[in-house]
N, C-alpha and C. Protein backbone atom coordinates (compact mmCIF):
# COMPACT_ATOMS: atom_id res chain seq x y z
N MET A 1 -15.04 -65.62 -31.85
CA MET A 1 -14.67 -65.15 -30.53
C MET A 1 -15.95 -64.95 -29.58
N ALA A 2 -17.10 -64.47 -30.32
CA ALA A 2 -18.26 -64.18 -29.60
C ALA A 2 -18.86 -65.50 -29.03
N SER A 3 -18.76 -66.56 -29.86
CA SER A 3 -19.36 -67.84 -29.52
C SER A 3 -18.56 -68.50 -28.33
N GLU A 4 -17.22 -68.19 -28.33
CA GLU A 4 -16.31 -68.67 -27.35
C GLU A 4 -16.61 -68.01 -25.97
N SER A 5 -16.98 -66.72 -26.05
CA SER A 5 -17.31 -66.01 -24.90
C SER A 5 -18.67 -66.41 -24.30
N ARG A 6 -19.53 -66.71 -25.10
CA ARG A 6 -20.83 -67.18 -24.76
C ARG A 6 -20.69 -68.54 -24.12
N ALA A 7 -19.92 -69.37 -24.69
CA ALA A 7 -19.66 -70.74 -24.06
C ALA A 7 -19.08 -70.75 -22.71
N ARG A 8 -18.18 -69.71 -22.59
CA ARG A 8 -17.58 -69.55 -21.29
C ARG A 8 -18.54 -69.07 -20.30
N ASP A 9 -19.46 -68.05 -20.72
CA ASP A 9 -20.45 -67.49 -19.76
C ASP A 9 -21.43 -68.59 -19.36
N THR A 10 -21.84 -69.40 -20.28
CA THR A 10 -22.77 -70.55 -20.12
C THR A 10 -22.06 -71.52 -19.11
N GLU A 11 -20.86 -71.83 -19.24
CA GLU A 11 -20.10 -72.66 -18.44
C GLU A 11 -20.12 -72.19 -17.04
N ILE A 12 -19.77 -70.85 -16.80
CA ILE A 12 -19.91 -70.12 -15.53
C ILE A 12 -21.14 -70.15 -14.84
N VAL A 13 -22.16 -69.89 -15.54
CA VAL A 13 -23.51 -69.92 -15.07
C VAL A 13 -23.83 -71.44 -14.49
N ASP A 14 -23.60 -72.37 -15.39
CA ASP A 14 -23.78 -73.75 -15.02
C ASP A 14 -23.05 -74.16 -13.75
N MET A 15 -21.80 -73.71 -13.64
CA MET A 15 -20.93 -73.93 -12.49
C MET A 15 -21.45 -73.42 -11.24
N VAL A 16 -22.00 -72.16 -11.37
CA VAL A 16 -22.63 -71.29 -10.22
C VAL A 16 -23.86 -72.17 -9.78
N VAL A 17 -24.70 -72.46 -10.76
CA VAL A 17 -25.96 -73.23 -10.41
C VAL A 17 -25.68 -74.58 -9.67
N ALA A 18 -24.63 -75.32 -10.22
CA ALA A 18 -24.34 -76.54 -9.60
C ALA A 18 -23.81 -76.37 -8.22
N TYR A 19 -23.08 -75.39 -7.96
CA TYR A 19 -22.42 -74.97 -6.65
C TYR A 19 -23.62 -74.69 -5.71
N ALA A 20 -24.57 -73.89 -6.31
CA ALA A 20 -25.66 -73.43 -5.34
C ALA A 20 -26.51 -74.61 -4.93
N ARG A 21 -26.68 -75.50 -5.91
CA ARG A 21 -27.55 -76.62 -5.50
C ARG A 21 -26.86 -77.54 -4.52
N GLN A 22 -25.48 -77.74 -4.73
CA GLN A 22 -24.66 -78.60 -3.77
C GLN A 22 -24.67 -77.94 -2.35
N GLU A 23 -24.51 -76.66 -2.29
CA GLU A 23 -24.52 -75.98 -0.93
C GLU A 23 -25.89 -75.80 -0.26
N THR A 24 -26.98 -75.86 -0.95
CA THR A 24 -28.29 -75.54 -0.32
C THR A 24 -29.20 -76.62 -0.33
N ILE A 25 -29.50 -77.27 -1.50
CA ILE A 25 -30.47 -78.27 -1.59
C ILE A 25 -30.09 -79.60 -0.95
N GLU A 26 -28.89 -80.03 -1.04
CA GLU A 26 -28.44 -81.19 -0.42
C GLU A 26 -28.45 -81.14 1.16
N PRO A 27 -27.86 -80.02 1.65
CA PRO A 27 -28.08 -80.03 3.14
C PRO A 27 -29.51 -79.92 3.54
N LEU A 28 -30.30 -79.17 2.85
CA LEU A 28 -31.59 -79.11 3.28
C LEU A 28 -32.38 -80.50 3.38
N ARG A 29 -32.08 -81.30 2.39
CA ARG A 29 -32.66 -82.71 2.38
C ARG A 29 -32.26 -83.33 3.57
N GLY A 30 -31.01 -83.29 4.04
CA GLY A 30 -30.54 -83.98 5.26
C GLY A 30 -31.18 -83.40 6.52
N ALA A 31 -31.38 -82.09 6.50
CA ALA A 31 -32.10 -81.35 7.64
C ALA A 31 -33.54 -81.75 7.63
N GLY A 32 -34.18 -81.92 6.43
CA GLY A 32 -35.54 -82.32 6.48
C GLY A 32 -35.80 -83.67 7.21
N ARG A 33 -34.93 -84.60 6.87
CA ARG A 33 -34.97 -85.94 7.67
C ARG A 33 -34.82 -85.70 9.00
N TRP A 34 -33.86 -84.96 9.44
CA TRP A 34 -33.64 -84.82 10.81
C TRP A 34 -34.68 -84.13 11.59
N ILE A 35 -35.34 -83.07 10.86
CA ILE A 35 -36.53 -82.47 11.61
C ILE A 35 -37.83 -83.29 11.49
N LEU A 36 -37.98 -84.19 10.57
CA LEU A 36 -39.06 -85.20 10.57
C LEU A 36 -38.84 -86.12 11.76
N TRP A 37 -37.77 -86.70 11.99
CA TRP A 37 -37.54 -87.55 12.87
C TRP A 37 -37.73 -86.74 14.40
N GLY A 38 -37.36 -85.60 14.47
CA GLY A 38 -37.55 -84.80 15.73
C GLY A 38 -38.98 -84.56 15.86
N VAL A 39 -39.78 -84.31 14.90
CA VAL A 39 -41.21 -83.98 14.98
C VAL A 39 -41.95 -85.35 15.55
N VAL A 40 -41.61 -86.37 14.83
CA VAL A 40 -42.24 -87.78 15.20
C VAL A 40 -41.90 -88.03 16.62
N SER A 41 -40.69 -87.91 17.08
CA SER A 41 -40.31 -88.38 18.42
C SER A 41 -40.90 -87.31 19.43
N MET A 42 -41.00 -86.10 19.00
CA MET A 42 -41.59 -85.09 19.99
C MET A 42 -43.03 -85.55 20.21
N THR A 43 -43.69 -85.77 19.06
CA THR A 43 -45.22 -86.22 19.26
C THR A 43 -45.35 -87.46 20.11
N LEU A 44 -44.55 -88.47 19.92
CA LEU A 44 -44.70 -89.66 20.55
C LEU A 44 -44.38 -89.39 22.14
N VAL A 45 -43.34 -88.69 22.48
CA VAL A 45 -42.92 -88.26 23.83
C VAL A 45 -44.13 -87.53 24.53
N SER A 46 -44.62 -86.62 23.74
CA SER A 46 -45.67 -85.77 24.37
C SER A 46 -46.93 -86.69 24.72
N VAL A 47 -47.26 -87.47 23.81
CA VAL A 47 -48.50 -88.33 24.02
C VAL A 47 -48.11 -89.27 25.24
N GLY A 48 -46.93 -89.70 25.24
CA GLY A 48 -46.51 -90.58 26.41
C GLY A 48 -46.67 -89.95 27.75
N MET A 49 -46.03 -88.57 27.77
CA MET A 49 -46.10 -87.84 28.99
C MET A 49 -47.51 -87.48 29.41
N VAL A 50 -48.37 -87.24 28.57
CA VAL A 50 -49.89 -86.91 28.90
C VAL A 50 -50.45 -88.27 29.47
N LEU A 51 -50.16 -89.37 28.81
CA LEU A 51 -50.71 -90.69 29.34
C LEU A 51 -50.14 -90.97 30.90
N VAL A 52 -48.72 -90.60 30.97
CA VAL A 52 -48.31 -90.92 32.41
C VAL A 52 -48.86 -89.88 33.27
N ALA A 53 -49.14 -88.68 33.04
CA ALA A 53 -49.77 -87.62 33.83
C ALA A 53 -51.16 -88.15 34.26
N LEU A 54 -51.86 -88.63 33.25
CA LEU A 54 -53.34 -89.15 33.43
C LEU A 54 -53.26 -90.27 34.37
N GLY A 55 -52.15 -91.20 34.13
CA GLY A 55 -51.95 -92.43 35.04
C GLY A 55 -51.63 -92.17 36.43
N LEU A 56 -50.86 -91.09 36.69
CA LEU A 56 -50.55 -90.56 38.00
C LEU A 56 -51.88 -90.00 38.62
N LEU A 57 -52.62 -89.28 37.87
CA LEU A 57 -53.93 -88.70 38.33
C LEU A 57 -54.75 -89.84 38.87
N ARG A 58 -54.97 -90.85 37.91
CA ARG A 58 -55.79 -91.92 38.39
C ARG A 58 -55.26 -92.76 39.56
N LEU A 59 -53.91 -92.96 39.65
CA LEU A 59 -53.30 -93.64 40.79
C LEU A 59 -53.61 -92.97 42.10
N VAL A 60 -53.50 -91.60 42.04
CA VAL A 60 -53.71 -90.84 43.36
C VAL A 60 -55.18 -90.86 43.64
N GLN A 61 -56.04 -90.86 42.67
CA GLN A 61 -57.46 -90.98 42.97
C GLN A 61 -57.86 -92.24 43.56
N ASP A 62 -57.20 -93.27 42.98
CA ASP A 62 -57.58 -94.81 43.57
C ASP A 62 -56.98 -95.00 45.04
N LEU A 63 -55.73 -94.57 45.13
CA LEU A 63 -55.11 -94.81 46.36
C LEU A 63 -55.54 -94.05 47.53
N SER A 64 -56.14 -92.75 47.14
CA SER A 64 -56.84 -91.98 48.22
C SER A 64 -58.15 -92.05 48.33
N SER A 65 -58.81 -93.22 48.11
CA SER A 65 -60.14 -93.38 47.85
C SER A 65 -61.07 -92.32 48.50
N ASP A 66 -61.04 -92.22 49.78
CA ASP A 66 -62.03 -91.27 50.44
C ASP A 66 -61.37 -90.02 50.96
N VAL A 67 -59.96 -90.00 51.05
CA VAL A 67 -59.33 -88.78 51.54
C VAL A 67 -59.63 -87.58 50.74
N PHE A 68 -59.63 -87.56 49.46
CA PHE A 68 -59.83 -86.36 48.59
C PHE A 68 -61.23 -86.34 47.96
N ASP A 69 -62.26 -86.65 48.72
CA ASP A 69 -63.69 -86.55 48.35
C ASP A 69 -64.19 -85.12 48.75
N GLY A 70 -65.20 -84.74 48.13
CA GLY A 70 -65.90 -83.45 48.37
C GLY A 70 -64.95 -82.22 47.97
N ALA A 71 -64.81 -81.44 48.95
CA ALA A 71 -64.10 -80.26 48.78
C ALA A 71 -62.65 -80.44 48.34
N TRP A 72 -62.09 -81.54 48.71
CA TRP A 72 -60.61 -81.76 48.28
C TRP A 72 -60.41 -82.57 47.08
N SER A 73 -61.47 -82.76 46.28
CA SER A 73 -61.34 -83.59 45.09
C SER A 73 -60.41 -83.03 43.93
N PHE A 74 -59.97 -81.66 44.12
CA PHE A 74 -59.09 -81.11 43.17
C PHE A 74 -57.56 -81.57 43.35
N VAL A 75 -57.23 -82.15 44.53
CA VAL A 75 -55.86 -82.32 44.95
C VAL A 75 -55.31 -83.35 44.10
N PRO A 76 -55.93 -84.46 43.49
CA PRO A 76 -55.10 -85.34 42.59
C PRO A 76 -54.81 -84.65 41.36
N TYR A 77 -55.59 -83.65 40.87
CA TYR A 77 -55.19 -82.97 39.60
C TYR A 77 -53.87 -82.20 39.99
N ILE A 78 -53.64 -81.61 41.20
CA ILE A 78 -52.59 -80.90 41.41
C ILE A 78 -51.32 -81.83 41.25
N PHE A 79 -51.37 -83.07 41.66
CA PHE A 79 -50.24 -84.03 41.54
C PHE A 79 -49.97 -84.18 40.03
N GLY A 80 -51.03 -84.48 39.17
CA GLY A 80 -50.70 -84.52 37.75
C GLY A 80 -50.18 -83.24 37.14
N THR A 81 -50.65 -82.03 37.52
CA THR A 81 -50.10 -80.67 37.10
C THR A 81 -48.74 -80.58 37.50
N VAL A 82 -48.36 -80.88 38.72
CA VAL A 82 -46.98 -80.75 39.18
C VAL A 82 -46.06 -81.55 38.49
N PHE A 83 -46.55 -82.78 38.22
CA PHE A 83 -45.70 -83.89 37.34
C PHE A 83 -45.45 -83.25 35.98
N ALA A 84 -46.40 -82.63 35.31
CA ALA A 84 -46.29 -82.09 33.98
C ALA A 84 -45.32 -80.93 34.04
N ILE A 85 -45.53 -80.03 35.18
CA ILE A 85 -44.55 -78.81 35.27
C ILE A 85 -43.17 -79.23 35.38
N VAL A 86 -42.96 -80.36 36.20
CA VAL A 86 -41.59 -80.86 36.40
C VAL A 86 -40.98 -81.35 35.19
N VAL A 87 -41.71 -82.15 34.37
CA VAL A 87 -41.18 -82.72 33.10
C VAL A 87 -40.92 -81.49 32.19
N VAL A 88 -41.71 -80.48 32.01
CA VAL A 88 -41.47 -79.31 31.23
C VAL A 88 -40.38 -78.58 31.71
N GLY A 89 -40.04 -78.43 32.99
CA GLY A 89 -38.93 -77.77 33.39
C GLY A 89 -37.63 -78.40 33.23
N ILE A 90 -37.69 -79.85 33.35
CA ILE A 90 -36.36 -80.61 32.87
C ILE A 90 -36.12 -80.53 31.45
N ALA A 91 -37.14 -80.45 30.53
CA ALA A 91 -36.98 -80.32 29.19
C ALA A 91 -36.36 -78.96 28.75
N LEU A 92 -36.91 -77.99 29.42
CA LEU A 92 -36.40 -76.65 29.04
C LEU A 92 -34.89 -76.52 29.61
N PHE A 93 -34.63 -77.12 30.73
CA PHE A 93 -33.22 -77.12 31.21
C PHE A 93 -32.25 -77.67 30.27
N GLN A 94 -32.84 -78.87 29.76
CA GLN A 94 -31.98 -79.61 28.73
C GLN A 94 -31.65 -78.84 27.52
N VAL A 95 -32.69 -78.04 27.08
CA VAL A 95 -32.54 -77.30 25.78
C VAL A 95 -31.73 -76.12 26.02
N ARG A 96 -31.66 -75.52 27.12
CA ARG A 96 -30.91 -74.33 27.38
C ARG A 96 -29.45 -74.69 27.58
N ARG A 97 -29.02 -75.99 27.71
CA ARG A 97 -27.60 -76.30 27.95
C ARG A 97 -26.99 -76.09 26.66
N PRO A 98 -25.65 -75.64 26.64
CA PRO A 98 -24.92 -75.35 25.38
C PRO A 98 -24.90 -76.55 24.35
N ARG A 99 -24.65 -77.65 25.01
CA ARG A 99 -24.58 -78.84 24.13
C ARG A 99 -25.33 -80.06 24.86
N LEU A 100 -25.98 -80.87 24.14
CA LEU A 100 -26.81 -81.82 24.66
C LEU A 100 -25.92 -83.12 24.78
């Protein structure tokens, strides 16, 4: 009887361990892939937005050749900064929505 009880206890422990693995480790593997793709895409989009902001800065500097010289040389940087703020604002608005 004692060996039968121990076998039943071992079976219960094995079943609980298998259930815990099924409900924790397997979903975490799927979440890990999802998080990895999110980090990669976030990095690429961030680099792209920085390059677009710098491109806008250079465009304003080139198109306004002599207008923003001297004391007004900071104005093209304002265009790039405003663009970046607008992009961040749109991103935050999209994140705060209840569902995407």
